[in-house]
Amino acid sequence: MDGSLFIQGIIIGLTLAVPVGPISLLCIQRTIADGRLHGIISGLGVATADSFYAAITVLGLTVISGLIIAQHSLFRFLAGIILILIGIRVFMSVPAGISEKNEHETYLKDYLSMVAIAIANPLTLVFFMVILPGFGVVIHGTTFLPAAEFVAGVFFGSTVWWVILCGSVGSVRSRISVKNIGLINRVSGLLISCFGAGMLILLGMTTGLVG
């Protein structure tokens, strides 16, 4: 086994997870609203999707990757719509302590919803196709064990980030007032919806439907 592949996977997993975007905002919002474990489980869903795209890239699954790239406009459209709807829901959500019932989503729903949202973004696949040669990642023969080692590194690196992020936010959750939680929900919801709208606008511009 080549331990360097695992290390490279960790670095790339962190590189993909760290930038703040709609997914990060949603994980943070879930951590504040429902607790750190809900945020971490949501992050594991993102890490799973990242690992899925990493596996497609390193194993050279050209049929699947070709299909995803060919239908990237549809995937981006769906992702944009989903983000707008989620943003509206977050914006309108009532913080715990104000609502009559303090009900949380199940951990499984947290996980699966984030897998679906992250997989709906085909740019992750493009990221791996571009970044792997840049990082000098070479998996000779794309055999299963080296590929699995690299994908495991991607999953581990991404997971570490979500544990750190959601754990840190969760540690100060009890100090955040209900009023501030409401403000955070509104700002997060607005930003998430803006990310979704931005995806649709860019999609329209690239396909000639806008501008």
N, C-alpha and C. Protein backbone atom coordinates (compact mmCIF):
# COMPACT_ATOMS: atom_id res chain seq x y z
N MET A 1 0.83 -1.21 0.00
CA MET A 1 0.00 0.00 0.00
C MET A 1 0.86 1.26 0.00
N ASP A 2 0.41 2.25 -0.73
CA ASP A 2 1.14 3.50 -0.82
C ASP A 2 0.46 4.53 0.07
N GLY A 3 1.05 4.74 1.26
CA GLY A 3 0.45 5.66 2.22
C GLY A 3 0.31 7.07 1.69
N SER A 4 1.11 7.43 0.70
CA SER A 4 1.05 8.78 0.17
C SER A 4 -0.30 9.05 -0.51
N LEU A 5 -0.92 8.01 -1.07
CA LEU A 5 -2.22 8.18 -1.70
C LEU A 5 -3.28 8.57 -0.67
N PHE A 6 -3.20 7.96 0.50
CA PHE A 6 -4.14 8.29 1.57
C PHE A 6 -3.95 9.74 2.02
N ILE A 7 -2.69 10.15 2.15
CA ILE A 7 -2.38 11.53 2.56
C ILE A 7 -2.85 12.51 1.50
N GLN A 8 -2.60 12.18 0.22
CA GLN A 8 -3.07 13.05 -0.86
C GLN A 8 -4.59 13.15 -0.85
N GLY A 9 -5.25 12.03 -0.56
CA GLY A 9 -6.71 12.03 -0.48
C GLY A 9 -7.20 12.94 0.63
N ILE A 10 -6.53 12.91 1.78
CA ILE A 10 -6.90 13.78 2.91
C ILE A 10 -6.78 15.25 2.51
N ILE A 11 -5.66 15.58 1.87
CA ILE A 11 -5.42 16.98 1.47
C ILE A 11 -6.50 17.45 0.49
N ILE A 12 -6.81 16.60 -0.49
CA ILE A 12 -7.81 16.98 -1.49
C ILE A 12 -9.20 17.04 -0.85
N GLY A 13 -9.49 16.12 0.05
CA GLY A 13 -10.77 16.15 0.75
C GLY A 13 -10.95 17.43 1.53
N LEU A 14 -9.89 17.88 2.20
CA LEU A 14 -9.94 19.15 2.94
C LEU A 14 -10.07 20.32 1.98
N THR A 15 -9.32 20.27 0.88
CA THR A 15 -9.37 21.34 -0.12
C THR A 15 -10.79 21.53 -0.66
N LEU A 16 -11.50 20.43 -0.83
CA LEU A 16 -12.85 20.48 -1.36
C LEU A 16 -13.87 20.93 -0.32
N ALA A 17 -13.64 20.55 0.95
CA ALA A 17 -14.65 20.80 1.99
C ALA A 17 -14.55 22.18 2.63
N VAL A 18 -13.33 22.71 2.75
CA VAL A 18 -13.13 23.92 3.55
C VAL A 18 -13.81 25.18 3.01
N PRO A 19 -13.80 25.45 1.70
CA PRO A 19 -14.42 26.69 1.24
C PRO A 19 -15.87 26.83 1.68
N VAL A 20 -16.24 28.02 2.12
CA VAL A 20 -17.59 28.26 2.61
C VAL A 20 -18.55 28.43 1.42
N GLY A 21 -19.59 27.65 1.42
CA GLY A 21 -20.61 27.72 0.37
C GLY A 21 -21.95 27.37 0.96
N PRO A 22 -22.95 27.12 0.11
CA PRO A 22 -24.28 26.82 0.63
C PRO A 22 -24.34 25.56 1.48
N ILE A 23 -23.53 24.56 1.14
CA ILE A 23 -23.53 23.32 1.92
C ILE A 23 -22.96 23.58 3.31
N SER A 24 -21.88 24.36 3.39
CA SER A 24 -21.31 24.70 4.70
C SER A 24 -22.32 25.48 5.54
N LEU A 25 -23.00 26.44 4.92
CA LEU A 25 -23.99 27.22 5.64
C LEU A 25 -25.12 26.34 6.15
N LEU A 26 -25.54 25.37 5.35
CA LEU A 26 -26.62 24.49 5.77
C LEU A 26 -26.19 23.61 6.94
N CYS A 27 -24.96 23.10 6.89
CA CYS A 27 -24.45 22.29 8.00
C CYS A 27 -24.34 23.12 9.28
N ILE A 28 -23.88 24.35 9.14
CA ILE A 28 -23.78 25.24 10.30
C ILE A 28 -25.16 25.53 10.87
N GLN A 29 -26.12 25.81 9.98
CA GLN A 29 -27.48 26.11 10.44
C GLN A 29 -28.09 24.91 11.16
N ARG A 30 -27.86 23.72 10.64
CA ARG A 30 -28.39 22.53 11.30
C ARG A 30 -27.72 22.31 12.66
N THR A 31 -26.44 22.61 12.73
CA THR A 31 -25.73 22.47 14.01
C THR A 31 -26.32 23.41 15.05
N ILE A 32 -26.56 24.65 14.66
CA ILE A 32 -27.10 25.63 15.58
C ILE A 32 -28.54 25.29 15.97
N ALA A 33 -29.33 24.86 15.00
CA ALA A 33 -30.74 24.61 15.26
C ALA A 33 -30.98 23.28 15.97
N ASP A 34 -30.22 22.24 15.60
CA ASP A 34 -30.52 20.90 16.10
C ASP A 34 -29.41 20.27 16.95
N GLY A 35 -28.20 20.81 16.89
CA GLY A 35 -27.11 20.24 17.67
C GLY A 35 -25.95 19.80 16.79
N ARG A 36 -24.80 19.65 17.41
CA ARG A 36 -23.59 19.38 16.62
C ARG A 36 -23.64 18.04 15.89
N LEU A 37 -24.29 17.03 16.48
CA LEU A 37 -24.31 15.72 15.84
C LEU A 37 -25.12 15.76 14.54
N HIS A 38 -26.19 16.56 14.51
CA HIS A 38 -26.96 16.71 13.27
C HIS A 38 -26.09 17.36 12.19
N GLY A 39 -25.29 18.34 12.59
CA GLY A 39 -24.40 18.98 11.64
C GLY A 39 -23.32 18.04 11.14
N ILE A 40 -22.75 17.26 12.05
CA ILE A 40 -21.69 16.32 11.66
C ILE A 40 -22.23 15.24 10.74
N ILE A 41 -23.42 14.70 11.06
CA ILE A 41 -24.02 13.68 10.21
C ILE A 41 -24.31 14.25 8.82
N SER A 42 -24.76 15.50 8.77
CA SER A 42 -24.98 16.16 7.48
C SER A 42 -23.66 16.26 6.72
N GLY A 43 -22.58 16.62 7.44
CA GLY A 43 -21.26 16.69 6.82
C GLY A 43 -20.80 15.35 6.29
N LEU A 44 -21.15 14.25 6.99
CA LEU A 44 -20.79 12.92 6.50
C LEU A 44 -21.48 12.63 5.17
N GLY A 45 -22.69 13.16 5.00
CA GLY A 45 -23.37 13.01 3.72
C GLY A 45 -22.60 13.69 2.61
N VAL A 46 -22.07 14.89 2.89
CA VAL A 46 -21.26 15.61 1.91
C VAL A 46 -19.98 14.83 1.61
N ALA A 47 -19.33 14.31 2.65
CA ALA A 47 -18.11 13.53 2.48
C ALA A 47 -18.36 12.29 1.62
N THR A 48 -19.52 11.68 1.80
CA THR A 48 -19.88 10.51 1.00
C THR A 48 -20.00 10.87 -0.47
N ALA A 49 -20.66 11.99 -0.75
CA ALA A 49 -20.81 12.43 -2.15
C ALA A 49 -19.44 12.76 -2.75
N ASP A 50 -18.59 13.43 -1.98
CA ASP A 50 -17.25 13.75 -2.46
C ASP A 50 -16.47 12.47 -2.79
N SER A 51 -16.61 11.48 -1.92
CA SER A 51 -15.91 10.20 -2.13
C SER A 51 -16.45 9.48 -3.35
N PHE A 52 -17.74 9.59 -3.59
CA PHE A 52 -18.36 8.98 -4.77
C PHE A 52 -17.74 9.55 -6.04
N TYR A 53 -17.62 10.86 -6.10
CA TYR A 53 -17.03 11.49 -7.28
C TYR A 53 -15.54 11.17 -7.39
N ALA A 54 -14.87 11.08 -6.24
CA ALA A 54 -13.45 10.71 -6.27
C ALA A 54 -13.27 9.31 -6.84
N ALA A 55 -14.15 8.39 -6.44
CA ALA A 55 -14.08 7.01 -6.92
C ALA A 55 -14.31 6.95 -8.42
N ILE A 56 -15.29 7.70 -8.92
CA ILE A 56 -15.57 7.72 -10.36
C ILE A 56 -14.33 8.20 -11.12
N THR A 57 -13.67 9.22 -10.57
CA THR A 57 -12.51 9.79 -11.26
C THR A 57 -11.33 8.83 -11.29
N VAL A 58 -10.95 8.30 -10.12
CA VAL A 58 -9.73 7.49 -10.06
C VAL A 58 -9.91 6.11 -10.68
N LEU A 59 -11.16 5.60 -10.69
CA LEU A 59 -11.39 4.29 -11.30
C LEU A 59 -11.68 4.39 -12.79
N GLY A 60 -11.77 5.63 -13.29
CA GLY A 60 -11.96 5.82 -14.71
C GLY A 60 -13.28 5.30 -15.22
N LEU A 61 -14.35 5.52 -14.45
CA LEU A 61 -15.67 5.06 -14.87
C LEU A 61 -16.23 6.03 -15.90
N THR A 62 -15.76 5.88 -17.12
CA THR A 62 -16.06 6.86 -18.16
C THR A 62 -17.54 6.91 -18.51
N VAL A 63 -18.24 5.79 -18.40
CA VAL A 63 -19.67 5.78 -18.75
C VAL A 63 -20.44 6.65 -17.77
N ILE A 64 -20.19 6.45 -16.47
CA ILE A 64 -20.90 7.21 -15.46
C ILE A 64 -20.49 8.68 -15.50
N SER A 65 -19.18 8.93 -15.56
CA SER A 65 -18.71 10.31 -15.58
C SER A 65 -19.18 11.03 -16.84
N GLY A 66 -19.19 10.31 -17.96
CA GLY A 66 -19.66 10.92 -19.20
C GLY A 66 -21.13 11.29 -19.12
N LEU A 67 -21.92 10.42 -18.48
CA LEU A 67 -23.34 10.69 -18.32
C LEU A 67 -23.57 11.92 -17.43
N ILE A 68 -22.81 11.99 -16.34
CA ILE A 68 -22.95 13.11 -15.42
C ILE A 68 -22.56 14.42 -16.09
N ILE A 69 -21.44 14.40 -16.81
CA ILE A 69 -21.00 15.61 -17.50
C ILE A 69 -21.99 16.00 -18.60
N ALA A 70 -22.50 15.00 -19.32
CA ALA A 70 -23.44 15.29 -20.40
C ALA A 70 -24.73 15.92 -19.88
N GLN A 71 -25.12 15.51 -18.68
CA GLN A 71 -26.36 16.02 -18.08
C GLN A 71 -26.09 17.07 -17.00
N HIS A 72 -24.92 17.72 -17.09
CA HIS A 72 -24.55 18.64 -16.02
C HIS A 72 -25.52 19.80 -15.89
N SER A 73 -26.11 20.24 -17.00
CA SER A 73 -27.06 21.35 -16.94
C SER A 73 -28.29 20.96 -16.12
N LEU A 74 -28.78 19.74 -16.33
CA LEU A 74 -29.94 19.26 -15.57
C LEU A 74 -29.59 19.16 -14.09
N PHE A 75 -28.42 18.61 -13.78
CA PHE A 75 -28.01 18.48 -12.39
C PHE A 75 -27.88 19.85 -11.73
N ARG A 76 -27.28 20.80 -12.42
CA ARG A 76 -27.10 22.14 -11.87
C ARG A 76 -28.45 22.84 -11.69
N PHE A 77 -29.36 22.63 -12.61
CA PHE A 77 -30.71 23.20 -12.50
C PHE A 77 -31.40 22.65 -11.25
N LEU A 78 -31.35 21.32 -11.07
CA LEU A 78 -31.97 20.70 -9.91
C LEU A 78 -31.32 21.19 -8.62
N ALA A 79 -29.99 21.29 -8.63
CA ALA A 79 -29.28 21.76 -7.43
C ALA A 79 -29.68 23.19 -7.10
N GLY A 80 -29.79 24.03 -8.12
CA GLY A 80 -30.19 25.42 -7.89
C GLY A 80 -31.58 25.52 -7.28
N ILE A 81 -32.55 24.75 -7.83
CA ILE A 81 -33.91 24.75 -7.32
C ILE A 81 -33.94 24.25 -5.88
N ILE A 82 -33.21 23.16 -5.62
CA ILE A 82 -33.18 22.58 -4.27
C ILE A 82 -32.62 23.58 -3.26
N LEU A 83 -31.54 24.27 -3.64
CA LEU A 83 -30.94 25.24 -2.73
C LEU A 83 -31.89 26.41 -2.45
N ILE A 84 -32.60 26.86 -3.47
CA ILE A 84 -33.56 27.95 -3.26
C ILE A 84 -34.66 27.51 -2.29
N LEU A 85 -35.19 26.31 -2.48
CA LEU A 85 -36.25 25.81 -1.61
C LEU A 85 -35.76 25.61 -0.18
N ILE A 86 -34.54 25.07 -0.05
CA ILE A 86 -33.98 24.88 1.29
C ILE A 86 -33.74 26.22 1.95
N GLY A 87 -33.23 27.19 1.18
CA GLY A 87 -32.99 28.52 1.72
C GLY A 87 -34.27 29.16 2.23
N ILE A 88 -35.34 29.00 1.47
CA ILE A 88 -36.63 29.56 1.90
C ILE A 88 -37.10 28.88 3.19
N ARG A 89 -36.91 27.56 3.25
CA ARG A 89 -37.33 26.83 4.46
C ARG A 89 -36.52 27.27 5.67
N VAL A 90 -35.21 27.42 5.48
CA VAL A 90 -34.36 27.87 6.59
C VAL A 90 -34.74 29.28 7.00
N PHE A 91 -34.96 30.14 6.03
CA PHE A 91 -35.32 31.54 6.30
C PHE A 91 -36.59 31.62 7.14
N MET A 92 -37.56 30.76 6.85
CA MET A 92 -38.85 30.82 7.51
C MET A 92 -38.94 29.96 8.76
N SER A 93 -37.87 29.19 9.05
CA SER A 93 -37.91 28.29 10.20
C SER A 93 -37.94 29.08 11.50
N VAL A 94 -38.66 28.55 12.48
CA VAL A 94 -38.81 29.19 13.78
C VAL A 94 -37.80 28.56 14.74
N PRO A 95 -36.94 29.36 15.38
CA PRO A 95 -35.92 28.81 16.28
C PRO A 95 -36.53 28.04 17.45
N ALA A 96 -35.81 27.05 17.95
CA ALA A 96 -36.24 26.31 19.13
C ALA A 96 -36.43 27.28 20.29
N GLY A 97 -37.53 27.07 21.02
CA GLY A 97 -37.81 27.96 22.14
C GLY A 97 -38.95 28.91 21.78
N ILE A 98 -39.16 29.11 20.46
CA ILE A 98 -40.28 29.92 20.01
C ILE A 98 -41.39 29.01 19.51
N SER A 99 -41.01 27.99 18.76
CA SER A 99 -42.00 27.06 18.24
C SER A 99 -42.59 26.22 19.36
N GLU A 100 -43.81 25.75 19.14
CA GLU A 100 -44.48 24.95 20.16
C GLU A 100 -43.87 23.56 20.27
N LYS A 101 -43.41 23.03 19.16
CA LYS A 101 -42.80 21.71 19.16
C LYS A 101 -41.36 21.82 18.68
N ASN A 102 -40.46 21.26 19.46
CA ASN A 102 -39.05 21.30 19.09
C ASN A 102 -38.67 19.96 18.47
N GLU A 103 -39.07 19.78 17.21
CA GLU A 103 -38.84 18.52 16.53
C GLU A 103 -37.66 18.66 15.57
N HIS A 104 -36.81 17.64 15.56
CA HIS A 104 -35.65 17.64 14.69
C HIS A 104 -35.82 16.57 13.62
N GLU A 105 -35.14 16.79 12.50
CA GLU A 105 -35.10 15.75 11.47
C GLU A 105 -34.31 14.56 12.00
N THR A 106 -34.55 13.37 11.44
CA THR A 106 -33.78 12.20 11.85
C THR A 106 -32.37 12.31 11.31
N TYR A 107 -31.45 11.61 11.94
CA TYR A 107 -30.07 11.63 11.47
C TYR A 107 -29.98 11.06 10.05
N LEU A 108 -30.78 10.04 9.77
CA LEU A 108 -30.75 9.44 8.43
C LEU A 108 -31.20 10.45 7.39
N LYS A 109 -32.24 11.23 7.69
CA LYS A 109 -32.71 12.23 6.75
C LYS A 109 -31.67 13.33 6.56
N ASP A 110 -31.00 13.72 7.66
CA ASP A 110 -29.91 14.70 7.55
C ASP A 110 -28.84 14.19 6.59
N TYR A 111 -28.47 12.93 6.76
CA TYR A 111 -27.40 12.34 5.96
C TYR A 111 -27.80 12.23 4.48
N LEU A 112 -28.96 11.62 4.24
CA LEU A 112 -29.39 11.38 2.86
C LEU A 112 -29.66 12.67 2.10
N SER A 113 -30.21 13.67 2.80
CA SER A 113 -30.51 14.94 2.13
C SER A 113 -29.22 15.62 1.66
N MET A 114 -28.17 15.54 2.46
CA MET A 114 -26.92 16.17 2.08
C MET A 114 -26.20 15.38 0.99
N VAL A 115 -26.34 14.05 1.01
CA VAL A 115 -25.79 13.24 -0.09
C VAL A 115 -26.42 13.67 -1.40
N ALA A 116 -27.76 13.80 -1.39
CA ALA A 116 -28.48 14.18 -2.60
C ALA A 116 -28.09 15.57 -3.09
N ILE A 117 -27.99 16.53 -2.16
CA ILE A 117 -27.65 17.90 -2.55
C ILE A 117 -26.23 17.96 -3.12
N ALA A 118 -25.29 17.28 -2.45
CA ALA A 118 -23.90 17.32 -2.90
C ALA A 118 -23.71 16.59 -4.22
N ILE A 119 -24.39 15.47 -4.42
CA ILE A 119 -24.26 14.72 -5.67
C ILE A 119 -24.89 15.49 -6.83
N ALA A 120 -25.90 16.32 -6.50
CA ALA A 120 -26.56 17.10 -7.55
C ALA A 120 -25.66 18.17 -8.14
N ASN A 121 -24.48 18.36 -7.55
CA ASN A 121 -23.53 19.35 -8.06
C ASN A 121 -22.42 18.65 -8.84
N PRO A 122 -22.55 18.55 -10.17
CA PRO A 122 -21.54 17.83 -10.97
C PRO A 122 -20.20 18.55 -11.03
N LEU A 123 -20.15 19.79 -10.54
CA LEU A 123 -18.87 20.51 -10.55
C LEU A 123 -17.85 19.83 -9.65
N THR A 124 -18.33 19.02 -8.69
CA THR A 124 -17.41 18.26 -7.84
C THR A 124 -16.62 17.27 -8.69
N LEU A 125 -17.29 16.65 -9.64
CA LEU A 125 -16.60 15.72 -10.54
C LEU A 125 -15.57 16.46 -11.38
N VAL A 126 -15.96 17.63 -11.88
CA VAL A 126 -15.03 18.45 -12.66
C VAL A 126 -13.83 18.83 -11.80
N PHE A 127 -14.08 19.15 -10.53
CA PHE A 127 -13.01 19.48 -9.59
C PHE A 127 -11.98 18.35 -9.54
N PHE A 128 -12.45 17.13 -9.37
CA PHE A 128 -11.53 15.99 -9.28
C PHE A 128 -10.80 15.76 -10.58
N MET A 129 -11.48 15.91 -11.70
CA MET A 129 -10.84 15.68 -12.99
C MET A 129 -9.74 16.70 -13.26
N VAL A 130 -9.90 17.91 -12.71
CA VAL A 130 -8.92 18.97 -12.92
C VAL A 130 -7.82 18.92 -11.86
N ILE A 131 -8.22 18.70 -10.61
CA ILE A 131 -7.28 18.85 -9.49
C ILE A 131 -6.34 17.66 -9.34
N LEU A 132 -6.79 16.46 -9.70
CA LEU A 132 -5.94 15.29 -9.50
C LEU A 132 -4.64 15.37 -10.28
N PRO A 133 -4.68 15.70 -11.58
CA PRO A 133 -3.39 15.85 -12.29
C PRO A 133 -2.54 16.97 -11.69
N GLY A 134 -3.19 18.04 -11.23
CA GLY A 134 -2.45 19.15 -10.64
C GLY A 134 -1.74 18.78 -9.36
N PHE A 135 -2.36 17.86 -8.60
CA PHE A 135 -1.73 17.40 -7.37
C PHE A 135 -0.73 16.29 -7.62
N GLY A 136 -0.66 15.84 -8.86
CA GLY A 136 0.27 14.77 -9.20
C GLY A 136 -0.17 13.41 -8.72
N VAL A 137 -1.49 13.23 -8.54
CA VAL A 137 -2.01 11.95 -8.08
C VAL A 137 -1.96 10.95 -9.23
N VAL A 138 -1.24 9.88 -9.03
CA VAL A 138 -1.14 8.84 -10.05
C VAL A 138 -1.45 7.51 -9.40
N ILE A 139 -2.48 6.83 -9.89
CA ILE A 139 -2.84 5.52 -9.38
C ILE A 139 -2.65 4.53 -10.51
N HIS A 140 -1.54 3.87 -10.50
CA HIS A 140 -1.16 3.02 -11.62
C HIS A 140 -2.18 1.90 -11.84
N GLY A 141 -2.69 1.85 -13.06
CA GLY A 141 -3.62 0.78 -13.41
C GLY A 141 -5.00 0.96 -12.81
N THR A 142 -5.19 2.00 -12.05
CA THR A 142 -6.47 2.26 -11.37
C THR A 142 -7.03 0.98 -10.76
N THR A 143 -6.16 0.20 -10.09
CA THR A 143 -6.61 -1.01 -9.42
C THR A 143 -7.38 -0.63 -8.17
N PHE A 144 -8.12 -1.60 -7.64
CA PHE A 144 -9.09 -1.30 -6.58
C PHE A 144 -8.43 -0.81 -5.29
N LEU A 145 -7.41 -1.50 -4.81
CA LEU A 145 -6.85 -1.17 -3.50
C LEU A 145 -6.24 0.23 -3.46
N PRO A 146 -5.38 0.61 -4.41
CA PRO A 146 -4.86 1.99 -4.39
C PRO A 146 -5.97 3.02 -4.52
N ALA A 147 -6.95 2.74 -5.38
CA ALA A 147 -8.06 3.67 -5.54
C ALA A 147 -8.86 3.80 -4.25
N ALA A 148 -9.11 2.66 -3.59
CA ALA A 148 -9.85 2.67 -2.33
C ALA A 148 -9.10 3.45 -1.26
N GLU A 149 -7.76 3.32 -1.27
CA GLU A 149 -6.95 4.05 -0.30
C GLU A 149 -7.07 5.56 -0.52
N PHE A 150 -7.04 5.98 -1.77
CA PHE A 150 -7.17 7.40 -2.07
C PHE A 150 -8.56 7.92 -1.71
N VAL A 151 -9.60 7.18 -2.09
CA VAL A 151 -10.98 7.59 -1.80
C VAL A 151 -11.21 7.65 -0.29
N ALA A 152 -10.63 6.69 0.44
CA ALA A 152 -10.75 6.71 1.90
C ALA A 152 -10.10 7.96 2.48
N GLY A 153 -9.00 8.39 1.87
CA GLY A 153 -8.35 9.61 2.31
C GLY A 153 -9.23 10.82 2.07
N VAL A 154 -9.89 10.86 0.91
CA VAL A 154 -10.81 11.97 0.60
C VAL A 154 -11.94 12.01 1.62
N PHE A 155 -12.52 10.85 1.91
CA PHE A 155 -13.61 10.78 2.89
C PHE A 155 -13.14 11.21 4.27
N PHE A 156 -11.95 10.75 4.66
CA PHE A 156 -11.42 11.08 5.98
C PHE A 156 -11.14 12.57 6.10
N GLY A 157 -10.50 13.14 5.07
CA GLY A 157 -10.17 14.57 5.10
C GLY A 157 -11.41 15.43 5.17
N SER A 158 -12.42 15.10 4.35
CA SER A 158 -13.67 15.85 4.36
C SER A 158 -14.37 15.70 5.71
N THR A 159 -14.39 14.47 6.24
CA THR A 159 -15.05 14.23 7.52
C THR A 159 -14.39 15.00 8.65
N VAL A 160 -13.07 15.02 8.65
CA VAL A 160 -12.34 15.77 9.69
C VAL A 160 -12.76 17.22 9.70
N TRP A 161 -12.90 17.82 8.51
CA TRP A 161 -13.31 19.22 8.45
C TRP A 161 -14.71 19.42 9.03
N TRP A 162 -15.65 18.54 8.68
CA TRP A 162 -17.02 18.71 9.17
C TRP A 162 -17.10 18.50 10.68
N VAL A 163 -16.30 17.58 11.21
CA VAL A 163 -16.27 17.38 12.66
C VAL A 163 -15.73 18.63 13.35
N ILE A 164 -14.65 19.20 12.80
CA ILE A 164 -14.06 20.41 13.38
C ILE A 164 -15.04 21.58 13.29
N LEU A 165 -15.62 21.79 12.09
CA LEU A 165 -16.53 22.91 11.89
C LEU A 165 -17.78 22.81 12.76
N CYS A 166 -18.48 21.69 12.64
CA CYS A 166 -19.73 21.53 13.37
C CYS A 166 -19.49 21.37 14.86
N GLY A 167 -18.37 20.74 15.23
CA GLY A 167 -18.04 20.62 16.64
C GLY A 167 -17.77 21.98 17.27
N SER A 168 -17.06 22.84 16.53
CA SER A 168 -16.75 24.18 17.04
C SER A 168 -18.02 25.02 17.17
N VAL A 169 -18.87 24.96 16.13
CA VAL A 169 -20.12 25.72 16.19
C VAL A 169 -21.02 25.18 17.29
N GLY A 170 -21.06 23.86 17.42
CA GLY A 170 -21.89 23.25 18.45
C GLY A 170 -21.45 23.60 19.86
N SER A 171 -20.15 23.83 20.05
CA SER A 171 -19.64 24.14 21.39
C SER A 171 -20.11 25.50 21.89
N VAL A 172 -20.49 26.40 20.99
CA VAL A 172 -20.96 27.73 21.40
C VAL A 172 -22.46 27.86 21.18
N ARG A 173 -23.11 26.77 20.78
CA ARG A 173 -24.55 26.82 20.47
C ARG A 173 -25.38 27.27 21.67
N SER A 174 -25.02 26.80 22.85
CA SER A 174 -25.82 27.12 24.03
C SER A 174 -25.73 28.59 24.41
N ARG A 175 -24.73 29.28 23.90
CA ARG A 175 -24.56 30.70 24.23
C ARG A 175 -25.28 31.62 23.25
N ILE A 176 -25.84 31.03 22.22
CA ILE A 176 -26.53 31.84 21.21
C ILE A 176 -27.99 31.99 21.60
N SER A 177 -28.46 33.21 21.68
CA SER A 177 -29.84 33.47 22.08
C SER A 177 -30.81 33.08 20.97
N VAL A 178 -32.07 32.90 21.36
CA VAL A 178 -33.11 32.55 20.39
C VAL A 178 -33.21 33.64 19.32
N LYS A 179 -33.09 34.88 19.73
CA LYS A 179 -33.16 35.99 18.79
C LYS A 179 -32.04 35.90 17.76
N ASN A 180 -30.83 35.58 18.24
CA ASN A 180 -29.69 35.46 17.32
C ASN A 180 -29.84 34.26 16.40
N ILE A 181 -30.43 33.17 16.93
CA ILE A 181 -30.66 32.00 16.08
C ILE A 181 -31.60 32.35 14.95
N GLY A 182 -32.64 33.14 15.28
CA GLY A 182 -33.56 33.58 14.24
C GLY A 182 -32.86 34.41 13.18
N LEU A 183 -31.95 35.28 13.61
CA LEU A 183 -31.20 36.11 12.66
C LEU A 183 -30.29 35.24 11.81
N ILE A 184 -29.64 34.27 12.44
CA ILE A 184 -28.75 33.36 11.70
C ILE A 184 -29.55 32.57 10.66
N ASN A 185 -30.74 32.11 11.04
CA ASN A 185 -31.59 31.38 10.10
C ASN A 185 -31.93 32.23 8.88
N ARG A 186 -32.24 33.50 9.13
CA ARG A 186 -32.64 34.37 8.03
C ARG A 186 -31.46 34.70 7.11
N VAL A 187 -30.33 34.99 7.72
CA VAL A 187 -29.15 35.29 6.91
C VAL A 187 -28.71 34.05 6.13
N SER A 188 -28.67 32.88 6.82
CA SER A 188 -28.26 31.65 6.16
C SER A 188 -29.22 31.28 5.05
N GLY A 189 -30.53 31.38 5.34
CA GLY A 189 -31.52 31.06 4.33
C GLY A 189 -31.42 31.94 3.11
N LEU A 190 -31.20 33.24 3.35
CA LEU A 190 -31.06 34.18 2.23
C LEU A 190 -29.84 33.86 1.39
N LEU A 191 -28.71 33.58 2.06
CA LEU A 191 -27.48 33.28 1.33
C LEU A 191 -27.59 31.97 0.55
N ILE A 192 -28.20 30.95 1.17
CA ILE A 192 -28.37 29.66 0.50
C ILE A 192 -29.23 29.82 -0.75
N SER A 193 -30.33 30.58 -0.61
CA SER A 193 -31.20 30.83 -1.76
C SER A 193 -30.47 31.63 -2.84
N CYS A 194 -29.62 32.57 -2.41
CA CYS A 194 -28.84 33.36 -3.38
C CYS A 194 -27.86 32.48 -4.13
N PHE A 195 -27.23 31.53 -3.43
CA PHE A 195 -26.34 30.59 -4.10
C PHE A 195 -27.12 29.81 -5.16
N GLY A 196 -28.33 29.33 -4.78
CA GLY A 196 -29.14 28.59 -5.73
C GLY A 196 -29.54 29.43 -6.93
N ALA A 197 -29.97 30.67 -6.66
CA ALA A 197 -30.35 31.58 -7.75
C ALA A 197 -29.15 31.88 -8.64
N GLY A 198 -27.98 32.04 -8.02
CA GLY A 198 -26.77 32.29 -8.79
C GLY A 198 -26.45 31.14 -9.72
N MET A 199 -26.65 29.90 -9.24
CA MET A 199 -26.40 28.74 -10.10
C MET A 199 -27.33 28.75 -11.30
N LEU A 200 -28.60 29.11 -11.07
CA LEU A 200 -29.57 29.14 -12.17
C LEU A 200 -29.23 30.26 -13.17
N ILE A 201 -28.81 31.41 -12.65
CA ILE A 201 -28.45 32.53 -13.53
C ILE A 201 -27.24 32.17 -14.38
N LEU A 202 -26.20 31.60 -13.74
CA LEU A 202 -25.01 31.19 -14.49
C LEU A 202 -25.34 30.11 -15.50
N LEU A 203 -26.23 29.19 -15.12
CA LEU A 203 -26.64 28.15 -16.04
C LEU A 203 -27.35 28.75 -17.25
N GLY A 204 -28.22 29.74 -16.98
CA GLY A 204 -28.93 30.40 -18.06
C GLY A 204 -27.99 31.15 -18.98
N MET A 205 -26.95 31.77 -18.41
CA MET A 205 -25.99 32.52 -19.22
C MET A 205 -25.17 31.57 -20.09
N THR A 206 -24.76 30.43 -19.53
CA THR A 206 -23.93 29.51 -20.30
C THR A 206 -24.72 28.77 -21.36
N THR A 207 -26.03 28.62 -21.14
CA THR A 207 -26.85 27.93 -22.14
C THR A 207 -27.55 28.89 -23.09
N GLY A 208 -27.34 30.20 -22.87
CA GLY A 208 -27.92 31.20 -23.77
C GLY A 208 -29.34 31.58 -23.45
N LEU A 209 -29.85 31.10 -22.27
CA LEU A 209 -31.23 31.44 -21.91
C LEU A 209 -31.33 32.79 -21.24
N VAL A 210 -30.18 33.29 -20.71
CA VAL A 210 -30.16 34.59 -20.05
C VAL A 210 -29.10 35.45 -20.73
N GLY A 211 -29.42 36.71 -20.92
CA GLY A 211 -28.44 37.63 -21.49
C GLY A 211 -28.28 37.42 -22.97
